[in-house]
Amino acid sequence: MQIDLRSDTVTRPSKGMLDAMMTAKVGDDVYAEDPTVNALEARVATLFGKPKALFFPSGTMANQTAIKLHTQPGEQLICDKYAHVYNYEGGGVSFNSGVSCQLVDGHRGMMTAAQVEAAINPPDFYHSPLTSLVTLENTTNKGGGACWDFNEISKIRTVCDTHHLGLHLDGARLWNALNAKSETALQYGDIFDTISVCFSKGLGAPVGSMLVGDEALMNKALRIRKMLGGGMRQIGSLAAAASYALDHHYDRLKDDHKKAKEIAVVLQTLEAVSIVEPVETNIVIFKLNSNFPEGLFLDNLKAHNVLVSDMGSGKLRMVTHLDYTDAMHANLLEILSKP
């Protein structure tokens, strides 16, 4: 029995999801004629209280589209040093939009409003890039699935309004944050100009993300998605998988969060482990003691068919998900507990 905890993207469609995909009504989405896609876009737009949503093949493309919507070449966005748009999107910020990143040294991928304000370049100082966008990420991937304090997000919105900046949320794991903190999508839709959400992580769909925003922005997003190669045809089956995931896999995210916290408790008892970062959702990040060989620890896990991620800088990561069963969980806790 292999236990794959590298990411929550390793899941496979359940029988119910496959049935929904096989029976989905389809049409040509480039002509906006796929009824299943149209229904999903309308549903997600309503969830966030936004007038329009657009289906994307990936969260990276959705984020890159949002950045291009809010900026012009030569400008600058503000994000935390751990931000996915900076670390894990292949340099797309500079390649696709000609924009640079002003990195903020936040806490576990989260900045304060004061830090954001301090990072804004004076608009009349033409020697520095013009700041035009602030990008947040919730939950924070590199920050260990940490959830933002919504009050701080509101303060950042005020800063953006004062300085006429756009505000985008990379919400790849926003579903986890909403579940963990009993917040609502409407709250986030009221704060952010654009939000990307992913269906292929905690919700377990095979592919797909969504970008939501106001009408004028989203009309432009359609053209940018085309430029980036995201126009697809009969994709109702993919939208059906995402819709099924929303119906059946959102409430169970709490199970992933519970298992992640239980893994963290066991890791904290191990002599080989020096630090386990706080766990709020489904990501566990930990470090080994400097005198304990990382290779030995990973080889021991591999010998028991356990896969985890090496994030570099001595950090290891485990991510729980819907294909990580109760039996796997019991087995992993036993493996970790063995000397």
C-alpha atoms as a PDB file:
ATOM      1  CA  MET A   1       0.000   0.000   0.000  1.00  0.00           C
ATOM      2  CA  GLN A   2       1.611   3.243  -1.161  1.00  0.00           C
ATOM      3  CA  ILE A   3       0.977   6.333   0.935  1.00  0.00           C
ATOM      4  CA  ASP A   4       1.485   9.383  -1.272  1.00  0.00           C
ATOM      5  CA  LEU A   5       1.598  12.594   0.755  1.00  0.00           C
ATOM      6  CA  ARG A   6       3.600  14.696  -1.687  1.00  0.00           C
ATOM      7  CA  SER A   7       0.575  16.863  -2.524  1.00  0.00           C
ATOM      8  CA  ASP A   8      -3.217  16.947  -2.554  1.00  0.00           C
ATOM      9  CA  THR A   9      -2.973  16.982  -6.363  1.00  0.00           C
ATOM     10  CA  VAL A  10      -2.231  13.223  -6.528  1.00  0.00           C
ATOM     11  CA  THR A  11      -5.865  12.166  -6.039  1.00  0.00           C
ATOM     12  CA  ARG A  12      -7.873  10.273  -8.641  1.00  0.00           C
ATOM     13  CA  PRO A  13     -11.538  10.763  -9.542  1.00  0.00           C
ATOM     14  CA  SER A  14     -13.968   8.691  -7.487  1.00  0.00           C
ATOM     15  CA  LYS A  15     -16.606   6.500  -9.144  1.00  0.00           C
ATOM     16  CA  GLY A  16     -19.249   9.131  -8.486  1.00  0.00           C
ATOM     17  CA  MET A  17     -17.093  11.817 -10.065  1.00  0.00           C
ATOM     18  CA  LEU A  18     -16.351   9.630 -13.089  1.00  0.00           C
ATOM     19  CA  ASP A  19     -20.078   8.957 -13.531  1.00  0.00           C
ATOM     20  CA  ALA A  20     -20.748  12.714 -13.429  1.00  0.00           C
ATOM     21  CA  MET A  21     -18.031  13.290 -16.028  1.00  0.00           C
ATOM     22  CA  MET A  22     -19.330  10.572 -18.347  1.00  0.00           C
ATOM     23  CA  THR A  23     -22.913  11.868 -18.292  1.00  0.00           C
ATOM     24  CA  ALA A  24     -22.136  15.608 -18.535  1.00  0.00           C
ATOM     25  CA  LYS A  25     -23.773  17.631 -21.288  1.00  0.00           C
ATOM     26  CA  VAL A  26     -21.088  19.298 -23.407  1.00  0.00           C
ATOM     27  CA  GLY A  27     -20.712  21.972 -26.067  1.00  0.00           C
ATOM     28  CA  ASP A  28     -18.012  24.188 -27.518  1.00  0.00           C
ATOM     29  CA  ASP A  29     -16.812  26.356 -24.629  1.00  0.00           C
ATOM     30  CA  VAL A  30     -14.882  28.728 -26.916  1.00  0.00           C
ATOM     31  CA  TYR A  31     -18.321  29.676 -28.250  1.00  0.00           C
ATOM     32  CA  ALA A  32     -19.605  29.744 -24.634  1.00  0.00           C
ATOM     33  CA  GLU A  33     -21.921  26.871 -25.584  1.00  0.00           C
ATOM     34  CA  ASP A  34     -20.913  24.235 -23.037  1.00  0.00           C
ATOM     35  CA  PRO A  35     -23.897  24.102 -20.651  1.00  0.00           C
ATOM     36  CA  THR A  36     -22.002  22.351 -17.853  1.00  0.00           C
ATOM     37  CA  VAL A  37     -19.194  24.898 -17.905  1.00  0.00           C
ATOM     38  CA  ASN A  38     -21.664  27.768 -18.036  1.00  0.00           C
ATOM     39  CA  ALA A  39     -23.558  26.384 -15.051  1.00  0.00           C
ATOM     40  CA  LEU A  40     -20.359  25.956 -13.020  1.00  0.00           C
ATOM     41  CA  GLU A  41     -19.145  29.478 -13.852  1.00  0.00           C
ATOM     42  CA  ALA A  42     -22.501  30.926 -12.803  1.00  0.00           C
ATOM     43  CA  ARG A  43     -22.466  28.878  -9.602  1.00  0.00           C
ATOM     44  CA  VAL A  44     -18.974  29.959  -8.542  1.00  0.00           C
ATOM     45  CA  ALA A  45     -19.631  33.607  -9.459  1.00  0.00           C
ATOM     46  CA  THR A  46     -22.716  33.533  -7.242  1.00  0.00           C
ATOM     47  CA  LEU A  47     -20.779  31.878  -4.403  1.00  0.00           C
ATOM     48  CA  PHE A  48     -18.366  34.822  -4.349  1.00  0.00           C
ATOM     49  CA  GLY A  49     -20.948  37.479  -5.127  1.00  0.00           C
ATOM     50  CA  LYS A  50     -19.178  38.427  -8.344  1.00  0.00           C
ATOM     51  CA  PRO A  51     -20.870  38.987 -11.695  1.00  0.00           C
ATOM     52  CA  LYS A  52     -18.653  36.662 -13.689  1.00  0.00           C
ATOM     53  CA  ALA A  53     -16.358  33.625 -13.447  1.00  0.00           C
ATOM     54  CA  LEU A  54     -14.158  31.939 -16.043  1.00  0.00           C
ATOM     55  CA  PHE A  55     -12.982  28.310 -16.133  1.00  0.00           C
ATOM     56  CA  PHE A  56      -9.228  27.697 -16.571  1.00  0.00           C
ATOM     57  CA  PRO A  57      -7.187  24.534 -17.085  1.00  0.00           C
ATOM     58  CA  SER A  58      -4.837  25.469 -14.226  1.00  0.00           C
ATOM     59  CA  GLY A  59      -4.494  27.748 -11.236  1.00  0.00           C
ATOM     60  CA  THR A  60      -1.227  29.096 -12.601  1.00  0.00           C
ATOM     61  CA  MET A  61      -2.955  30.276 -15.769  1.00  0.00           C
ATOM     62  CA  ALA A  62      -5.743  31.852 -13.725  1.00  0.00           C
ATOM     63  CA  ASN A  63      -3.226  33.705 -11.544  1.00  0.00           C
ATOM     64  CA  GLN A  64      -1.167  34.814 -14.528  1.00  0.00           C
ATOM     65  CA  THR A  65      -4.292  36.106 -16.232  1.00  0.00           C
ATOM     66  CA  ALA A  66      -5.231  38.090 -13.127  1.00  0.00           C
ATOM     67  CA  ILE A  67      -1.772  39.646 -12.916  1.00  0.00           C
ATOM     68  CA  LYS A  68      -1.964  40.671 -16.558  1.00  0.00           C
ATOM     69  CA  LEU A  69      -5.411  42.181 -15.956  1.00  0.00           C
ATOM     70  CA  HIS A  70      -4.165  44.421 -13.156  1.00  0.00           C
ATOM     71  CA  THR A  71      -0.757  45.508 -14.471  1.00  0.00           C
ATOM     72  CA  GLN A  72       1.182  46.935 -17.387  1.00  0.00           C
ATOM     73  CA  PRO A  73       4.738  45.964 -18.438  1.00  0.00           C
ATOM     74  CA  GLY A  74       7.361  47.641 -16.279  1.00  0.00           C
ATOM     75  CA  GLU A  75       5.109  47.831 -13.228  1.00  0.00           C
ATOM     76  CA  GLN A  76       5.433  45.945  -9.954  1.00  0.00           C
ATOM     77  CA  LEU A  77       3.274  43.783  -7.739  1.00  0.00           C
ATOM     78  CA  ILE A  78       3.660  43.241  -4.011  1.00  0.00           C
ATOM     79  CA  CYS A  79       3.600  39.716  -2.620  1.00  0.00           C
ATOM     80  CA  ASP A  80       5.067  37.721   0.234  1.00  0.00           C
ATOM     81  CA  LYS A  81       8.437  36.059  -0.359  1.00  0.00           C
ATOM     82  CA  TYR A  82       6.683  32.656  -0.079  1.00  0.00           C
ATOM     83  CA  ALA A  83       4.027  33.508  -2.688  1.00  0.00           C
ATOM     84  CA  HIS A  84       3.170  30.852  -5.244  1.00  0.00           C
ATOM     85  CA  VAL A  85       3.058  33.447  -8.048  1.00  0.00           C
ATOM     86  CA  TYR A  86       6.720  34.229  -7.355  1.00  0.00           C
ATOM     87  CA  ASN A  87       8.134  30.808  -6.428  1.00  0.00           C
ATOM     88  CA  TYR A  88       6.171  28.222  -8.392  1.00  0.00           C
ATOM     89  CA  GLU A  89       4.796  29.710 -11.595  1.00  0.00           C
ATOM     90  CA  GLY A  90       7.888  29.459 -13.768  1.00  0.00           C
ATOM     91  CA  GLY A  91       8.727  33.151 -13.776  1.00  0.00           C
ATOM     92  CA  GLY A  92       5.406  33.870 -15.456  1.00  0.00           C
ATOM     93  CA  VAL A  93       5.029  37.234 -13.733  1.00  0.00           C
ATOM     94  CA  SER A  94       7.972  38.610 -15.723  1.00  0.00           C
ATOM     95  CA  PHE A  95       7.525  36.481 -18.858  1.00  0.00           C
ATOM     96  CA  ASN A  96       3.790  36.978 -19.374  1.00  0.00           C
ATOM     97  CA  SER A  97       3.255  40.460 -17.958  1.00  0.00           C
ATOM     98  CA  GLY A  98       6.683  42.114 -17.879  1.00  0.00           C
ATOM     99  CA  VAL A  99       6.149  42.809 -14.190  1.00  0.00           C
ATOM    100  CA  SER A 100       8.536  42.553 -11.242  1.00  0.00           C
ATOM    101  CA  CYS A 101       7.758  41.414  -7.694  1.00  0.00           C
ATOM    102  CA  GLN A 102       8.399  43.456  -4.558  1.00  0.00           C
ATOM    103  CA  LEU A 103       8.872  40.702  -1.989  1.00  0.00           C
ATOM    104  CA  VAL A 104       7.767  41.172   1.600  1.00  0.00           C
ATOM    105  CA  ASP A 105       9.273  39.223   4.493  1.00  0.00           C
ATOM    106  CA  GLY A 106       6.015  38.169   6.111  1.00  0.00           C
ATOM    107  CA  HIS A 107       5.132  35.394   8.531  1.00  0.00           C
ATOM    108  CA  ARG A 108       4.451  31.973   6.973  1.00  0.00           C
ATOM    109  CA  GLY A 109       3.528  33.596   3.680  1.00  0.00           C
ATOM    110  CA  MET A 110       1.322  36.307   5.180  1.00  0.00           C
ATOM    111  CA  MET A 111       2.019  40.049   5.214  1.00  0.00           C
ATOM    112  CA  THR A 112       0.598  42.798   7.366  1.00  0.00           C
ATOM    113  CA  ALA A 113      -1.123  45.875   5.991  1.00  0.00           C
ATOM    114  CA  ALA A 114       1.735  47.985   7.363  1.00  0.00           C
ATOM    115  CA  GLN A 115       4.262  45.874   5.432  1.00  0.00           C
ATOM    116  CA  VAL A 116       2.236  46.238   2.251  1.00  0.00           C
ATOM    117  CA  GLU A 117       2.038  50.003   2.631  1.00  0.00           C
ATOM    118  CA  ALA A 118       5.787  50.242   3.278  1.00  0.00           C
ATOM    119  CA  ALA A 119       6.472  48.269   0.070  1.00  0.00           C
ATOM    120  CA  ILE A 120       4.566  50.638  -2.223  1.00  0.00           C
ATOM    121  CA  ASN A 121       6.820  52.705  -4.465  1.00  0.00           C
ATOM    122  CA  PRO A 122       6.049  56.444  -4.589  1.00  0.00           C
ATOM    123  CA  PRO A 123       3.999  56.881  -7.786  1.00  0.00           C
ATOM    124  CA  ASP A 124       5.747  60.143  -8.726  1.00  0.00           C
ATOM    125  CA  PHE A 125       9.239  58.636  -8.358  1.00  0.00           C
ATOM    126  CA  TYR A 126       9.737  57.464 -11.924  1.00  0.00           C
ATOM    127  CA  HIS A 127      13.075  55.749 -11.198  1.00  0.00           C
ATOM    128  CA  SER A 128      11.294  52.828  -9.510  1.00  0.00           C
ATOM    129  CA  PRO A 129       8.581  50.560 -10.934  1.00  0.00           C
ATOM    130  CA  LEU A 130       5.018  51.739 -10.494  1.00  0.00           C
ATOM    131  CA  THR A 131       3.248  49.599  -7.910  1.00  0.00           C
ATOM    132  CA  SER A 132      -0.116  48.490  -9.295  1.00  0.00           C
ATOM    133  CA  LEU A 133      -1.137  45.220  -7.613  1.00  0.00           C
ATOM    134  CA  VAL A 134      -1.062  43.345  -4.308  1.00  0.00           C
ATOM    135  CA  THR A 135      -1.318  39.537  -4.455  1.00  0.00           C
ATOM    136  CA  LEU A 136      -2.171  37.377  -1.439  1.00  0.00           C
ATOM    137  CA  GLU A 137      -2.336  33.585  -1.101  1.00  0.00           C
ATOM    138  CA  ASN A 138      -4.776  31.723   1.169  1.00  0.00           C
ATOM    139  CA  THR A 139      -3.969  29.153   2.390  1.00  0.00           C
ATOM    140  CA  THR A 140      -0.248  29.656   2.025  1.00  0.00           C
ATOM    141  CA  ASN A 141       1.418  26.688   0.365  1.00  0.00           C
ATOM    142  CA  LYS A 142       5.018  27.342   1.365  1.00  0.00           C
ATOM    143  CA  GLY A 143       3.769  28.680   4.695  1.00  0.00           C
ATOM    144  CA  GLY A 144       2.377  25.272   5.615  1.00  0.00           C
ATOM    145  CA  GLY A 145      -1.309  25.688   4.863  1.00  0.00           C
ATOM    146  CA  ALA A 146      -1.611  28.754   7.089  1.00  0.00           C
ATOM    147  CA  CYS A 147      -4.864  30.738   7.017  1.00  0.00           C
ATOM    148  CA  TRP A 148      -4.945  34.518   6.909  1.00  0.00           C
ATOM    149  CA  ASP A 149      -6.563  36.642   9.591  1.00  0.00           C
ATOM    150  CA  PHE A 150      -9.508  38.124   7.701  1.00  0.00           C
ATOM    151  CA  ASN A 151      -9.218  41.383   9.635  1.00  0.00           C
ATOM    152  CA  GLU A 152      -5.697  41.849   8.258  1.00  0.00           C
ATOM    153  CA  ILE A 153      -6.961  41.200   4.738  1.00  0.00           C
ATOM    154  CA  SER A 154      -9.552  43.943   5.274  1.00  0.00           C
ATOM    155  CA  LYS A 155      -6.808  46.331   6.351  1.00  0.00           C
ATOM    156  CA  ILE A 156      -4.823  45.489   3.213  1.00  0.00           C
ATOM    157  CA  ARG A 157      -7.937  46.263   1.152  1.00  0.00           C
ATOM    158  CA  THR A 158      -8.006  49.712   2.740  1.00  0.00           C
ATOM    159  CA  VAL A 159      -4.337  50.236   1.843  1.00  0.00           C
ATOM    160  CA  CYS A 160      -5.050  49.208  -1.749  1.00  0.00           C
ATOM    161  CA  ASP A 161      -8.011  51.574  -1.976  1.00  0.00           C
ATOM    162  CA  THR A 162      -5.957  54.460  -0.575  1.00  0.00           C
ATOM    163  CA  HIS A 163      -3.182  53.899  -3.131  1.00  0.00           C
ATOM    164  CA  HIS A 164      -5.397  52.816  -6.050  1.00  0.00           C
ATOM    165  CA  LEU A 165      -3.958  49.298  -6.249  1.00  0.00           C
ATOM    166  CA  GLY A 166      -5.599  46.107  -7.448  1.00  0.00           C
ATOM    167  CA  LEU A 167      -5.979  43.211  -4.995  1.00  0.00           C
ATOM    168  CA  HIS A 168      -5.832  39.600  -6.201  1.00  0.00           C
ATOM    169  CA  LEU A 169      -6.183  36.409  -4.174  1.00  0.00           C
ATOM    170  CA  ASP A 170      -4.456  33.197  -5.166  1.00  0.00           C
ATOM    171  CA  GLY A 171      -7.075  30.968  -3.561  1.00  0.00           C
ATOM    172  CA  ALA A 172      -5.763  27.617  -4.754  1.00  0.00           C
ATOM    173  CA  ARG A 173      -6.572  26.212  -1.306  1.00  0.00           C
ATOM    174  CA  LEU A 174      -9.137  28.813  -0.281  1.00  0.00           C
ATOM    175  CA  TRP A 175     -11.694  26.001   0.155  1.00  0.00           C
ATOM    176  CA  ASN A 176      -9.504  24.664   2.984  1.00  0.00           C
ATOM    177  CA  ALA A 177      -9.348  28.077   4.641  1.00  0.00           C
ATOM    178  CA  LEU A 178     -13.107  28.604   4.383  1.00  0.00           C
ATOM    179  CA  ASN A 179     -13.714  25.179   5.892  1.00  0.00           C
ATOM    180  CA  ALA A 180     -11.177  25.602   8.695  1.00  0.00           C
ATOM    181  CA  LYS A 181     -12.259  29.096   9.743  1.00  0.00           C
ATOM    182  CA  SER A 182     -15.992  28.944   8.981  1.00  0.00           C
ATOM    183  CA  GLU A 183     -15.662  31.933   6.665  1.00  0.00           C
ATOM    184  CA  THR A 184     -17.694  32.445   3.507  1.00  0.00           C
ATOM    185  CA  ALA A 185     -16.837  32.906  -0.133  1.00  0.00           C
ATOM    186  CA  LEU A 186     -19.022  36.039  -0.128  1.00  0.00           C
ATOM    187  CA  GLN A 187     -16.712  37.665   2.428  1.00  0.00           C
ATOM    188  CA  TYR A 188     -13.772  37.179   0.094  1.00  0.00           C
ATOM    189  CA  GLY A 189     -15.676  38.264  -2.984  1.00  0.00           C
ATOM    190  CA  ASP A 190     -16.488  41.521  -1.232  1.00  0.00           C
ATOM    191  CA  ILE A 191     -12.807  42.240  -0.507  1.00  0.00           C
ATOM    192  CA  PHE A 192     -10.864  41.134  -3.589  1.00  0.00           C
ATOM    193  CA  ASP A 193     -10.973  42.422  -7.158  1.00  0.00           C
ATOM    194  CA  THR A 194     -10.117  38.978  -8.535  1.00  0.00           C
ATOM    195  CA  ILE A 195      -9.908  35.525  -6.938  1.00  0.00           C
ATOM    196  CA  SER A 196      -8.612  32.251  -8.342  1.00  0.00           C
ATOM    197  CA  VAL A 197      -9.837  28.971  -6.854  1.00  0.00           C
ATOM    198  CA  CYS A 198      -8.701  25.443  -7.661  1.00  0.00           C
ATOM    199  CA  PHE A 199     -10.737  22.242  -7.943  1.00  0.00           C
ATOM    200  CA  SER A 200      -7.819  19.812  -8.355  1.00  0.00           C
ATOM    201  CA  LYS A 201      -6.274  20.126  -4.885  1.00  0.00           C
ATOM    202  CA  GLY A 202      -8.322  19.525  -1.746  1.00  0.00           C
ATOM    203  CA  LEU A 203     -11.546  19.014  -3.694  1.00  0.00           C
ATOM    204  CA  GLY A 204     -10.000  16.205  -5.727  1.00  0.00           C
ATOM    205  CA  ALA A 205     -11.069  17.023  -9.294  1.00  0.00           C
ATOM    206  CA  PRO A 206      -8.609  15.914 -11.998  1.00  0.00           C
ATOM    207  CA  VAL A 207      -8.149  19.405 -13.450  1.00  0.00           C
ATOM    208  CA  GLY A 208      -9.543  22.909 -13.380  1.00  0.00           C
ATOM    209  CA  SER A 209      -9.512  26.314 -11.718  1.00  0.00           C
ATOM    210  CA  MET A 210     -11.763  29.354 -11.826  1.00  0.00           C
ATOM    211  CA  LEU A 211     -11.125  33.086 -11.870  1.00  0.00           C
ATOM    212  CA  VAL A 212     -13.871  35.375 -10.563  1.00  0.00           C
ATOM    213  CA  GLY A 213     -14.135  39.138 -10.801  1.00  0.00           C
ATOM    214  CA  ASP A 214     -16.134  42.125 -11.966  1.00  0.00           C
ATOM    215  CA  GLU A 215     -17.654  42.228 -15.447  1.00  0.00           C
ATOM    216  CA  ALA A 216     -15.139  44.590 -17.083  1.00  0.00           C
ATOM    217  CA  LEU A 217     -12.132  42.664 -15.759  1.00  0.00           C
ATOM    218  CA  MET A 218     -13.511  39.274 -16.699  1.00  0.00           C
ATOM    219  CA  ASN A 219     -14.336  40.348 -20.244  1.00  0.00           C
ATOM    220  CA  LYS A 220     -10.642  41.145 -20.624  1.00  0.00           C
ATOM    221  CA  ALA A 221      -9.739  37.869 -18.912  1.00  0.00           C
ATOM    222  CA  LEU A 222     -11.399  35.942 -21.736  1.00  0.00           C
ATOM    223  CA  ARG A 223      -8.986  37.472 -24.260  1.00  0.00           C
ATOM    224  CA  ILE A 224      -5.955  36.855 -22.034  1.00  0.00           C
ATOM    225  CA  ARG A 225      -6.966  33.237 -21.474  1.00  0.00           C
ATOM    226  CA  LYS A 226      -7.059  32.835 -25.256  1.00  0.00           C
ATOM    227  CA  MET A 227      -3.601  34.413 -25.598  1.00  0.00           C
ATOM    228  CA  LEU A 228      -2.202  31.995 -23.017  1.00  0.00           C
ATOM    229  CA  GLY A 229      -3.689  28.988 -24.792  1.00  0.00           C
ATOM    230  CA  GLY A 230      -6.502  28.337 -22.347  1.00  0.00           C
ATOM    231  CA  GLY A 231      -9.412  28.256 -24.758  1.00  0.00           C
ATOM    232  CA  MET A 232     -10.876  24.745 -24.678  1.00  0.00           C
ATOM    233  CA  ARG A 233     -13.726  23.052 -26.485  1.00  0.00           C
ATOM    234  CA  GLN A 234     -16.029  20.296 -25.153  1.00  0.00           C
ATOM    235  CA  ILE A 235     -14.909  20.466 -21.535  1.00  0.00           C
ATOM    236  CA  GLY A 236     -18.201  19.872 -19.770  1.00  0.00           C
ATOM    237  CA  SER A 237     -16.779  16.645 -18.366  1.00  0.00           C
ATOM    238  CA  LEU A 238     -14.089  18.635 -16.545  1.00  0.00           C
ATOM    239  CA  ALA A 239     -16.607  21.133 -15.231  1.00  0.00           C
ATOM    240  CA  ALA A 240     -18.816  18.240 -14.111  1.00  0.00           C
ATOM    241  CA  ALA A 241     -15.923  16.866 -12.058  1.00  0.00           C
ATOM    242  CA  ALA A 242     -15.433  20.269 -10.416  1.00  0.00           C
ATOM    243  CA  SER A 243     -19.146  20.612  -9.712  1.00  0.00           C
ATOM    244  CA  TYR A 244     -19.247  17.118  -8.195  1.00  0.00           C
ATOM    245  CA  ALA A 245     -16.261  18.044  -6.038  1.00  0.00           C
ATOM    246  CA  LEU A 246     -18.046  21.120  -4.700  1.00  0.00           C
ATOM    247  CA  ASP A 247     -21.112  19.017  -3.903  1.00  0.00           C
ATOM    248  CA  HIS A 248     -19.376  16.046  -2.286  1.00  0.00           C
ATOM    249  CA  HIS A 249     -15.834  16.925  -1.212  1.00  0.00           C
ATOM    250  CA  TYR A 250     -16.004  20.328   0.481  1.00  0.00           C
ATOM    251  CA  ASP A 251     -17.402  19.261   3.863  1.00  0.00           C
ATOM    252  CA  ARG A 252     -14.939  16.390   4.169  1.00  0.00           C
ATOM    253  CA  LEU A 253     -11.935  18.754   4.035  1.00  0.00           C
ATOM    254  CA  LYS A 254     -12.180  18.817   7.835  1.00  0.00           C
ATOM    255  CA  ASP A 255     -11.085  15.151   7.801  1.00  0.00           C
ATOM    256  CA  ASP A 256      -7.873  16.090   5.980  1.00  0.00           C
ATOM    257  CA  HIS A 257      -7.245  18.855   8.511  1.00  0.00           C
ATOM    258  CA  LYS A 258      -7.773  16.470  11.434  1.00  0.00           C
ATOM    259  CA  LYS A 259      -5.359  13.892  10.021  1.00  0.00           C
ATOM    260  CA  ALA A 260      -2.711  16.540   9.335  1.00  0.00           C
ATOM    261  CA  LYS A 261      -2.895  17.719  12.942  1.00  0.00           C
ATOM    262  CA  GLU A 262      -2.567  14.137  14.188  1.00  0.00           C
ATOM    263  CA  ILE A 263       0.519  13.623  12.020  1.00  0.00           C
ATOM    264  CA  ALA A 264       2.016  16.798  13.472  1.00  0.00           C
ATOM    265  CA  VAL A 265       1.459  15.532  17.030  1.00  0.00           C
ATOM    266  CA  VAL A 266       3.412  12.339  16.299  1.00  0.00           C
ATOM    267  CA  LEU A 267       6.202  14.183  14.473  1.00  0.00           C
ATOM    268  CA  GLN A 268       6.687  16.420  17.508  1.00  0.00           C
ATOM    269  CA  THR A 269       7.577  13.345  19.584  1.00  0.00           C
ATOM    270  CA  LEU A 270      10.386  12.199  17.285  1.00  0.00           C
ATOM    271  CA  GLU A 271      14.005  12.840  18.224  1.00  0.00           C
ATOM    272  CA  ALA A 272      14.859  13.247  14.545  1.00  0.00           C
ATOM    273  CA  VAL A 273      12.477  16.186  14.167  1.00  0.00           C
ATOM    274  CA  SER A 274      13.476  19.643  15.382  1.00  0.00           C
ATOM    275  CA  ILE A 275      10.513  21.791  14.312  1.00  0.00           C
ATOM    276  CA  VAL A 276       6.934  21.111  13.239  1.00  0.00           C
ATOM    277  CA  GLU A 277       5.235  24.230  11.958  1.00  0.00           C
ATOM    278  CA  PRO A 278       1.707  24.981  13.225  1.00  0.00           C
ATOM    279  CA  VAL A 279      -0.961  23.032  11.340  1.00  0.00           C
ATOM    280  CA  GLU A 280      -4.280  24.676  10.497  1.00  0.00           C
ATOM    281  CA  THR A 281      -5.364  22.809   7.384  1.00  0.00           C
ATOM    282  CA  ASN A 282      -3.984  19.881   5.376  1.00  0.00           C
ATOM    283  CA  ILE A 283      -0.269  20.729   5.075  1.00  0.00           C
ATOM    284  CA  VAL A 284       2.404  19.614   7.545  1.00  0.00           C
ATOM    285  CA  ILE A 285       5.866  21.174   7.204  1.00  0.00           C
ATOM    286  CA  PHE A 286       8.683  20.061   9.478  1.00  0.00           C
ATOM    287  CA  LYS A 287      12.464  20.143   9.820  1.00  0.00           C
ATOM    288  CA  LEU A 288      14.864  17.463  10.967  1.00  0.00           C
ATOM    289  CA  ASN A 289      17.580  17.964  13.535  1.00  0.00           C
ATOM    290  CA  SER A 290      20.817  19.058  11.904  1.00  0.00           C
ATOM    291  CA  ASN A 291      22.623  15.958  13.177  1.00  0.00           C
ATOM    292  CA  PHE A 292      20.066  13.581  11.665  1.00  0.00           C
ATOM    293  CA  PRO A 293      20.658  12.646   7.994  1.00  0.00           C
ATOM    294  CA  GLU A 294      17.712  13.774   5.880  1.00  0.00           C
ATOM    295  CA  GLY A 295      18.416  11.016   3.362  1.00  0.00           C
ATOM    296  CA  LEU A 296      18.116   8.366   6.058  1.00  0.00           C
ATOM    297  CA  PHE A 297      14.730   9.700   7.152  1.00  0.00           C
ATOM    298  CA  LEU A 298      13.392   9.842   3.589  1.00  0.00           C
ATOM    299  CA  ASP A 299      14.810   6.415   2.709  1.00  0.00           C
ATOM    300  CA  ASN A 300      13.066   4.920   5.727  1.00  0.00           C
ATOM    301  CA  LEU A 301       9.754   6.394   4.580  1.00  0.00           C
ATOM    302  CA  LYS A 302      10.303   5.147   1.027  1.00  0.00           C
ATOM    303  CA  ALA A 303      11.060   1.674   2.357  1.00  0.00           C
ATOM    304  CA  HIS A 304       7.558   1.742   3.833  1.00  0.00           C
ATOM    305  CA  ASN A 305       6.077   3.089   0.562  1.00  0.00           C
ATOM    306  CA  VAL A 306       5.557   6.576   1.994  1.00  0.00           C
ATOM    307  CA  LEU A 307       6.205   9.545  -0.309  1.00  0.00           C
ATOM    308  CA  VAL A 308       6.691  13.102   0.986  1.00  0.00           C
ATOM    309  CA  SER A 309       8.006  16.334  -0.536  1.00  0.00           C
ATOM    310  CA  ASP A 310      11.454  17.798   0.015  1.00  0.00           C
ATOM    311  CA  MET A 311      10.938  21.563  -0.094  1.00  0.00           C
ATOM    312  CA  GLY A 312      14.626  22.421   0.241  1.00  0.00           C
ATOM    313  CA  SER A 313      16.328  24.363   3.030  1.00  0.00           C
ATOM    314  CA  GLY A 314      15.848  21.336   5.250  1.00  0.00           C
ATOM    315  CA  LYS A 315      12.045  21.457   5.077  1.00  0.00           C
ATOM    316  CA  LEU A 316       9.920  18.377   4.455  1.00  0.00           C
ATOM    317  CA  ARG A 317       6.192  18.434   3.656  1.00  0.00           C
ATOM    318  CA  MET A 318       3.244  16.083   4.000  1.00  0.00           C
ATOM    319  CA  VAL A 319      -0.153  16.940   2.520  1.00  0.00           C
ATOM    320  CA  THR A 320      -3.302  15.024   3.432  1.00  0.00           C
ATOM    321  CA  HIS A 321      -6.082  14.522   0.881  1.00  0.00           C
ATOM    322  CA  LEU A 322      -9.219  12.546   0.090  1.00  0.00           C
ATOM    323  CA  ASP A 323      -7.306   9.490  -1.215  1.00  0.00           C
ATOM    324  CA  TYR A 324      -5.360   9.283   2.063  1.00  0.00           C
ATOM    325  CA  THR A 325      -7.564   6.763   3.826  1.00  0.00           C
ATOM    326  CA  ASP A 326      -8.089   6.008   7.511  1.00  0.00           C
ATOM    327  CA  ALA A 327      -6.131   2.771   7.061  1.00  0.00           C
ATOM    328  CA  MET A 328      -3.218   4.649   5.471  1.00  0.00           C
ATOM    329  CA  HIS A 329      -3.330   7.162   8.284  1.00  0.00           C
ATOM    330  CA  ALA A 330      -3.137   4.502  10.981  1.00  0.00           C
ATOM    331  CA  ASN A 331      -0.289   2.826   9.110  1.00  0.00           C
ATOM    332  CA  LEU A 332       1.655   6.083   8.754  1.00  0.00           C
ATOM    333  CA  LEU A 333       1.325   6.966  12.435  1.00  0.00           C
ATOM    334  CA  GLU A 334       2.634   3.511  13.291  1.00  0.00           C
ATOM    335  CA  ILE A 335       5.579   3.849  10.870  1.00  0.00           C
ATOM    336  CA  LEU A 336       6.504   7.255  12.320  1.00  0.00           C
ATOM    337  CA  SER A 337       6.262   5.966  15.868  1.00  0.00           C
ATOM    338  CA  LYS A 338       8.710   3.121  15.298  1.00  0.00           C
ATOM    339  CA  PRO A 339      12.293   3.839  16.420  1.00  0.00           C
END
